[in-house]
Amino acid sequence: MTDLKLLQEYVTDSGMTKTKIAQKAGMTRDRLYSILRGNECKASEIEGLAKTLRLTNAIRDRIFFAKEVAK
């Protein structure tokens, strides 16, 4: 399960546009928006976003492999 709220925080705090984040992460802008709406991510997409947003492994795991997400 993806912690969408935490992911959105990192996207916002990055200072980049969503288009730029998607481009640097190797995906389309539409695909990034799809992920931000809660659709599943591929491992390569997680890797691209983690690198682009400069996430530590612990934060990456907290975002993309959350056992529980606050509603």
PDB file of N, CA and C in Angstrom:
ATOM      1  N   MET A   1       0.839  -1.168   0.000  1.00  0.00           N
ATOM      2  CA  MET A   1       0.000   0.000   0.000  1.00  0.00           C
ATOM      3  C   MET A   1       0.898   1.251   0.000  1.00  0.00           C
ATOM      4  N   THR A   2       0.519   2.217  -0.778  1.00  0.00           N
ATOM      5  CA  THR A   2       1.296   3.447  -0.891  1.00  0.00           C
ATOM      6  C   THR A   2       0.714   4.526   0.013  1.00  0.00           C
ATOM      7  N   ASP A   3       1.589   5.186   0.763  1.00  0.00           N
ATOM      8  CA  ASP A   3       1.174   6.312   1.607  1.00  0.00           C
ATOM      9  C   ASP A   3       1.141   7.547   0.706  1.00  0.00           C
ATOM     10  N   LEU A   4      -0.013   7.791   0.126  1.00  0.00           N
ATOM     11  CA  LEU A   4      -0.161   8.866  -0.860  1.00  0.00           C
ATOM     12  C   LEU A   4       0.057  10.250  -0.262  1.00  0.00           C
ATOM     13  N   LYS A   5      -0.351  10.432   0.979  1.00  0.00           N
ATOM     14  CA  LYS A   5      -0.175  11.732   1.634  1.00  0.00           C
ATOM     15  C   LYS A   5       1.310  12.046   1.790  1.00  0.00           C
ATOM     16  N   LEU A   6       2.090  11.074   2.243  1.00  0.00           N
ATOM     17  CA  LEU A   6       3.523  11.275   2.426  1.00  0.00           C
ATOM     18  C   LEU A   6       4.218  11.463   1.078  1.00  0.00           C
ATOM     19  N   LEU A   7       3.823  10.691   0.073  1.00  0.00           N
ATOM     20  CA  LEU A   7       4.394  10.850  -1.263  1.00  0.00           C
ATOM     21  C   LEU A   7       4.123  12.256  -1.790  1.00  0.00           C
ATOM     22  N   GLN A   8       2.904  12.728  -1.626  1.00  0.00           N
ATOM     23  CA  GLN A   8       2.546  14.070  -2.090  1.00  0.00           C
ATOM     24  C   GLN A   8       3.376  15.139  -1.379  1.00  0.00           C
ATOM     25  N   GLU A   9       3.645  14.941  -0.095  1.00  0.00           N
ATOM     26  CA  GLU A   9       4.478  15.890   0.645  1.00  0.00           C
ATOM     27  C   GLU A   9       5.868  15.995   0.023  1.00  0.00           C
ATOM     28  N   TYR A  10       6.454  14.854  -0.314  1.00  0.00           N
ATOM     29  CA  TYR A  10       7.788  14.864  -0.913  1.00  0.00           C
ATOM     30  C   TYR A  10       7.768  15.460  -2.315  1.00  0.00           C
ATOM     31  N   VAL A  11       6.709  15.212  -3.064  1.00  0.00           N
ATOM     32  CA  VAL A  11       6.568  15.810  -4.391  1.00  0.00           C
ATOM     33  C   VAL A  11       6.501  17.333  -4.254  1.00  0.00           C
ATOM     34  N   THR A  12       5.683  17.820  -3.347  1.00  0.00           N
ATOM     35  CA  THR A  12       5.540  19.259  -3.130  1.00  0.00           C
ATOM     36  C   THR A  12       6.839  19.883  -2.640  1.00  0.00           C
ATOM     37  N   ASP A  13       7.482  19.217  -1.676  1.00  0.00           N
ATOM     38  CA  ASP A  13       8.719  19.749  -1.087  1.00  0.00           C
ATOM     39  C   ASP A  13       9.917  19.703  -2.039  1.00  0.00           C
ATOM     40  N   SER A  14       9.799  18.947  -3.125  1.00  0.00           N
ATOM     41  CA  SER A  14      10.920  18.813  -4.060  1.00  0.00           C
ATOM     42  C   SER A  14      11.223  20.119  -4.790  1.00  0.00           C
ATOM     43  N   GLY A  15      10.215  20.982  -4.929  1.00  0.00           N
ATOM     44  CA  GLY A  15      10.395  22.229  -5.658  1.00  0.00           C
ATOM     45  C   GLY A  15      10.320  22.058  -7.166  1.00  0.00           C
ATOM     46  N   MET A  16      10.084  20.841  -7.619  1.00  0.00           N
ATOM     47  CA  MET A  16       9.962  20.571  -9.055  1.00  0.00           C
ATOM     48  C   MET A  16       8.489  20.458  -9.428  1.00  0.00           C
ATOM     49  N   THR A  17       8.193  20.698 -10.692  1.00  0.00           N
ATOM     50  CA  THR A  17       6.837  20.476 -11.175  1.00  0.00           C
ATOM     51  C   THR A  17       6.618  18.971 -11.301  1.00  0.00           C
ATOM     52  N   LYS A  18       5.371  18.575 -11.312  1.00  0.00           N
ATOM     53  CA  LYS A  18       5.067  17.150 -11.483  1.00  0.00           C
ATOM     54  C   LYS A  18       5.538  16.662 -12.856  1.00  0.00           C
ATOM     55  N   THR A  19       5.478  17.523 -13.837  1.00  0.00           N
ATOM     56  CA  THR A  19       5.969  17.160 -15.168  1.00  0.00           C
ATOM     57  C   THR A  19       7.460  16.865 -15.113  1.00  0.00           C
ATOM     58  N   LYS A  20       8.224  17.698 -14.424  1.00  0.00           N
ATOM     59  CA  LYS A  20       9.672  17.512 -14.311  1.00  0.00           C
ATOM     60  C   LYS A  20       9.996  16.255 -13.511  1.00  0.00           C
ATOM     61  N   ILE A  21       9.258  16.026 -12.433  1.00  0.00           N
ATOM     62  CA  ILE A  21       9.474  14.817 -11.629  1.00  0.00           C
ATOM     63  C   ILE A  21       9.233  13.583 -12.481  1.00  0.00           C
ATOM     64  N   ALA A  22       8.127  13.563 -13.204  1.00  0.00           N
ATOM     65  CA  ALA A  22       7.807  12.413 -14.051  1.00  0.00           C
ATOM     66  C   ALA A  22       8.902  12.192 -15.091  1.00  0.00           C
ATOM     67  N   GLN A  23       9.333  13.260 -15.722  1.00  0.00           N
ATOM     68  CA  GLN A  23      10.371  13.168 -16.745  1.00  0.00           C
ATOM     69  C   GLN A  23      11.655  12.587 -16.157  1.00  0.00           C
ATOM     70  N   LYS A  24      12.099  13.115 -15.021  1.00  0.00           N
ATOM     71  CA  LYS A  24      13.334  12.643 -14.394  1.00  0.00           C
ATOM     72  C   LYS A  24      13.201  11.207 -13.885  1.00  0.00           C
ATOM     73  N   ALA A  25      11.987  10.812 -13.509  1.00  0.00           N
ATOM     74  CA  ALA A  25      11.749   9.465 -12.985  1.00  0.00           C
ATOM     75  C   ALA A  25      11.521   8.445 -14.106  1.00  0.00           C
ATOM     76  N   GLY A  26      11.460   8.920 -15.347  1.00  0.00           N
ATOM     77  CA  GLY A  26      11.320   8.006 -16.480  1.00  0.00           C
ATOM     78  C   GLY A  26       9.900   7.553 -16.757  1.00  0.00           C
ATOM     79  N   MET A  27       8.945   8.437 -16.498  1.00  0.00           N
ATOM     80  CA  MET A  27       7.554   8.086 -16.769  1.00  0.00           C
ATOM     81  C   MET A  27       6.834   9.304 -17.342  1.00  0.00           C
ATOM     82  N   THR A  28       5.631   9.094 -17.802  1.00  0.00           N
ATOM     83  CA  THR A  28       4.839  10.212 -18.310  1.00  0.00           C
ATOM     84  C   THR A  28       4.200  10.948 -17.134  1.00  0.00           C
ATOM     85  N   ARG A  29       3.799  12.173 -17.400  1.00  0.00           N
ATOM     86  CA  ARG A  29       3.100  12.962 -16.379  1.00  0.00           C
ATOM     87  C   ARG A  29       1.793  12.276 -15.995  1.00  0.00           C
ATOM     88  N   ASP A  30       1.096  11.722 -16.988  1.00  0.00           N
ATOM     89  CA  ASP A  30      -0.158  11.026 -16.714  1.00  0.00           C
ATOM     90  C   ASP A  30       0.065   9.831 -15.787  1.00  0.00           C
ATOM     91  N   ARG A  31       1.179   9.129 -15.985  1.00  0.00           N
ATOM     92  CA  ARG A  31       1.478   7.981 -15.132  1.00  0.00           C
ATOM     93  C   ARG A  31       1.753   8.434 -13.693  1.00  0.00           C
ATOM     94  N   LEU A  32       2.469   9.536 -13.528  1.00  0.00           N
ATOM     95  CA  LEU A  32       2.716  10.063 -12.188  1.00  0.00           C
ATOM     96  C   LEU A  32       1.394  10.421 -11.512  1.00  0.00           C
ATOM     97  N   TYR A  33       0.515  11.091 -12.218  1.00  0.00           N
ATOM     98  CA  TYR A  33      -0.786  11.438 -11.648  1.00  0.00           C
ATOM     99  C   TYR A  33      -1.568  10.180 -11.283  1.00  0.00           C
ATOM    100  N   SER A  34      -1.450   9.146 -12.080  1.00  0.00           N
ATOM    101  CA  SER A  34      -2.103   7.878 -11.795  1.00  0.00           C
ATOM    102  C   SER A  34      -1.595   7.286 -10.479  1.00  0.00           C
ATOM    103  N   ILE A  35      -0.287   7.343 -10.280  1.00  0.00           N
ATOM    104  CA  ILE A  35       0.311   6.850  -9.036  1.00  0.00           C
ATOM    105  C   ILE A  35      -0.161   7.694  -7.860  1.00  0.00           C
ATOM    106  N   LEU A  36      -0.208   9.000  -8.040  1.00  0.00           N
ATOM    107  CA  LEU A  36      -0.638   9.898  -6.969  1.00  0.00           C
ATOM    108  C   LEU A  36      -2.121   9.734  -6.624  1.00  0.00           C
ATOM    109  N   ARG A  37      -2.883   9.133  -7.533  1.00  0.00           N
ATOM    110  CA  ARG A  37      -4.306   8.836  -7.266  1.00  0.00           C
ATOM    111  C   ARG A  37      -4.475   7.471  -6.606  1.00  0.00           C
ATOM    112  N   GLY A  38      -3.368   6.718  -6.462  1.00  0.00           N
ATOM    113  CA  GLY A  38      -3.454   5.449  -5.755  1.00  0.00           C
ATOM    114  C   GLY A  38      -3.275   4.201  -6.574  1.00  0.00           C
ATOM    115  N   ASN A  39      -2.976   4.336  -7.860  1.00  0.00           N
ATOM    116  CA  ASN A  39      -2.725   3.145  -8.663  1.00  0.00           C
ATOM    117  C   ASN A  39      -1.380   2.536  -8.294  1.00  0.00           C
ATOM    118  N   GLU A  40      -1.271   1.241  -8.476  1.00  0.00           N
ATOM    119  CA  GLU A  40      -0.052   0.509  -8.120  1.00  0.00           C
ATOM    120  C   GLU A  40       1.153   0.989  -8.925  1.00  0.00           C
ATOM    121  N   CYS A  41       2.333   0.858  -8.303  1.00  0.00           N
ATOM    122  CA  CYS A  41       3.597   1.236  -8.942  1.00  0.00           C
ATOM    123  C   CYS A  41       4.393  -0.007  -9.290  1.00  0.00           C
ATOM    124  N   LYS A  42       5.127   0.080 -10.376  1.00  0.00           N
ATOM    125  CA  LYS A  42       6.105  -0.957 -10.716  1.00  0.00           C
ATOM    126  C   LYS A  42       7.386  -0.651  -9.943  1.00  0.00           C
ATOM    127  N   ALA A  43       8.213  -1.659  -9.765  1.00  0.00           N
ATOM    128  CA  ALA A  43       9.483  -1.482  -9.054  1.00  0.00           C
ATOM    129  C   ALA A  43      10.342  -0.417  -9.724  1.00  0.00           C
ATOM    130  N   SER A  44      10.357  -0.392 -11.048  1.00  0.00           N
ATOM    131  CA  SER A  44      11.167   0.601 -11.765  1.00  0.00           C
ATOM    132  C   SER A  44      10.651   2.018 -11.527  1.00  0.00           C
ATOM    133  N   GLU A  45       9.342   2.164 -11.363  1.00  0.00           N
ATOM    134  CA  GLU A  45       8.761   3.476 -11.085  1.00  0.00           C
ATOM    135  C   GLU A  45       9.102   3.931  -9.665  1.00  0.00           C
ATOM    136  N   ILE A  46       9.058   2.998  -8.730  1.00  0.00           N
ATOM    137  CA  ILE A  46       9.442   3.312  -7.351  1.00  0.00           C
ATOM    138  C   ILE A  46      10.899   3.750  -7.315  1.00  0.00           C
ATOM    139  N   GLU A  47      11.737   3.016  -8.010  1.00  0.00           N
ATOM    140  CA  GLU A  47      13.166   3.344  -8.069  1.00  0.00           C
ATOM    141  C   GLU A  47      13.380   4.731  -8.674  1.00  0.00           C
ATOM    142  N   GLY A  48      12.686   5.027  -9.766  1.00  0.00           N
ATOM    143  CA  GLY A  48      12.822   6.326 -10.424  1.00  0.00           C
ATOM    144  C   GLY A  48      12.359   7.473  -9.544  1.00  0.00           C
ATOM    145  N   LEU A  49      11.234   7.281  -8.861  1.00  0.00           N
ATOM    146  CA  LEU A  49      10.729   8.328  -7.976  1.00  0.00           C
ATOM    147  C   LEU A  49      11.643   8.515  -6.764  1.00  0.00           C
ATOM    148  N   ALA A  50      12.137   7.416  -6.215  1.00  0.00           N
ATOM    149  CA  ALA A  50      13.033   7.506  -5.061  1.00  0.00           C
ATOM    150  C   ALA A  50      14.295   8.283  -5.414  1.00  0.00           C
ATOM    151  N   LYS A  51      14.837   8.007  -6.577  1.00  0.00           N
ATOM    152  CA  LYS A  51      16.053   8.710  -7.010  1.00  0.00           C
ATOM    153  C   LYS A  51      15.750  10.179  -7.285  1.00  0.00           C
ATOM    154  N   THR A  52      14.677  10.444  -7.995  1.00  0.00           N
ATOM    155  CA  THR A  52      14.310  11.812  -8.365  1.00  0.00           C
ATOM    156  C   THR A  52      13.999  12.665  -7.141  1.00  0.00           C
ATOM    157  N   LEU A  53      13.286  12.083  -6.182  1.00  0.00           N
ATOM    158  CA  LEU A  53      12.891  12.830  -4.984  1.00  0.00           C
ATOM    159  C   LEU A  53      13.934  12.724  -3.873  1.00  0.00           C
ATOM    160  N   ARG A  54      15.017  12.021  -4.152  1.00  0.00           N
ATOM    161  CA  ARG A  54      16.117  11.831  -3.191  1.00  0.00           C
ATOM    162  C   ARG A  54      15.630  11.260  -1.867  1.00  0.00           C
ATOM    163  N   LEU A  55      14.869  10.175  -1.986  1.00  0.00           N
ATOM    164  CA  LEU A  55      14.342   9.510  -0.810  1.00  0.00           C
ATOM    165  C   LEU A  55      15.373   8.536  -0.252  1.00  0.00           C
ATOM    166  N   THR A  56      15.488   8.495   1.058  1.00  0.00           N
ATOM    167  CA  THR A  56      16.321   7.462   1.670  1.00  0.00           C
ATOM    168  C   THR A  56      15.581   6.133   1.511  1.00  0.00           C
ATOM    169  N   ASN A  57      16.275   5.047   1.709  1.00  0.00           N
ATOM    170  CA  ASN A  57      15.625   3.741   1.616  1.00  0.00           C
ATOM    171  C   ASN A  57      14.503   3.611   2.645  1.00  0.00           C
ATOM    172  N   ALA A  58      14.734   4.147   3.838  1.00  0.00           N
ATOM    173  CA  ALA A  58      13.720   4.070   4.890  1.00  0.00           C
ATOM    174  C   ALA A  58      12.461   4.848   4.500  1.00  0.00           C
ATOM    175  N   ILE A  59      12.630   6.042   3.959  1.00  0.00           N
ATOM    176  CA  ILE A  59      11.472   6.847   3.531  1.00  0.00           C
ATOM    177  C   ILE A  59      10.791   6.193   2.340  1.00  0.00           C
ATOM    178  N   ARG A  60      11.578   5.697   1.383  1.00  0.00           N
ATOM    179  CA  ARG A  60      11.004   4.997   0.224  1.00  0.00           C
ATOM    180  C   ARG A  60      10.119   3.846   0.697  1.00  0.00           C
ATOM    181  N   ASP A  61      10.621   3.052   1.626  1.00  0.00           N
ATOM    182  CA  ASP A  61       9.855   1.914   2.121  1.00  0.00           C
ATOM    183  C   ASP A  61       8.617   2.367   2.887  1.00  0.00           C
ATOM    184  N   ARG A  62       8.754   3.455   3.630  1.00  0.00           N
ATOM    185  CA  ARG A  62       7.616   3.992   4.381  1.00  0.00           C
ATOM    186  C   ARG A  62       6.502   4.468   3.438  1.00  0.00           C
ATOM    187  N   ILE A  63       6.893   5.041   2.318  1.00  0.00           N
ATOM    188  CA  ILE A  63       5.908   5.530   1.345  1.00  0.00           C
ATOM    189  C   ILE A  63       5.289   4.380   0.550  1.00  0.00           C
ATOM    190  N   PHE A  64       6.122   3.567  -0.069  1.00  0.00           N
ATOM    191  CA  PHE A  64       5.623   2.597  -1.047  1.00  0.00           C
ATOM    192  C   PHE A  64       5.275   1.224  -0.478  1.00  0.00           C
ATOM    193  N   PHE A  65       5.711   0.949   0.744  1.00  0.00           N
ATOM    194  CA  PHE A  65       5.439  -0.366   1.334  1.00  0.00           C
ATOM    195  C   PHE A  65       4.773  -0.232   2.699  1.00  0.00           C
ATOM    196  N   ALA A  66       3.944   0.788   2.833  1.00  0.00           N
ATOM    197  CA  ALA A  66       3.261   1.051   4.104  1.00  0.00           C
ATOM    198  C   ALA A  66       2.280  -0.079   4.399  1.00  0.00           C
ATOM    199  N   LYS A  67       2.310  -0.543   5.647  1.00  0.00           N
ATOM    200  CA  LYS A  67       1.353  -1.585   6.068  1.00  0.00           C
ATOM    201  C   LYS A  67       0.007  -0.956   6.376  1.00  0.00           C
ATOM    202  N   GLU A  68       0.067   0.263   6.926  1.00  0.00           N
ATOM    203  CA  GLU A  68      -1.168   1.002   7.234  1.00  0.00           C
ATOM    204  C   GLU A  68      -0.990   2.445   6.799  1.00  0.00           C
ATOM    205  N   VAL A  69      -2.070   3.037   6.355  1.00  0.00           N
ATOM    206  CA  VAL A  69      -2.043   4.436   5.920  1.00  0.00           C
ATOM    207  C   VAL A  69      -3.170   5.170   6.636  1.00  0.00           C
ATOM    208  N   ALA A  70      -2.842   6.299   7.227  1.00  0.00           N
ATOM    209  CA  ALA A  70      -3.865   7.104   7.901  1.00  0.00           C
ATOM    210  C   ALA A  70      -4.854   7.637   6.880  1.00  0.00           C
ATOM    211  N   LYS A  71      -6.100   7.630   7.225  1.00  0.00           N
ATOM    212  CA  LYS A  71      -7.135   8.099   6.294  1.00  0.00           C
ATOM    213  C   LYS A  71      -7.390   9.566   6.481  1.00  0.00           C
TER     214      LYS A  71
END
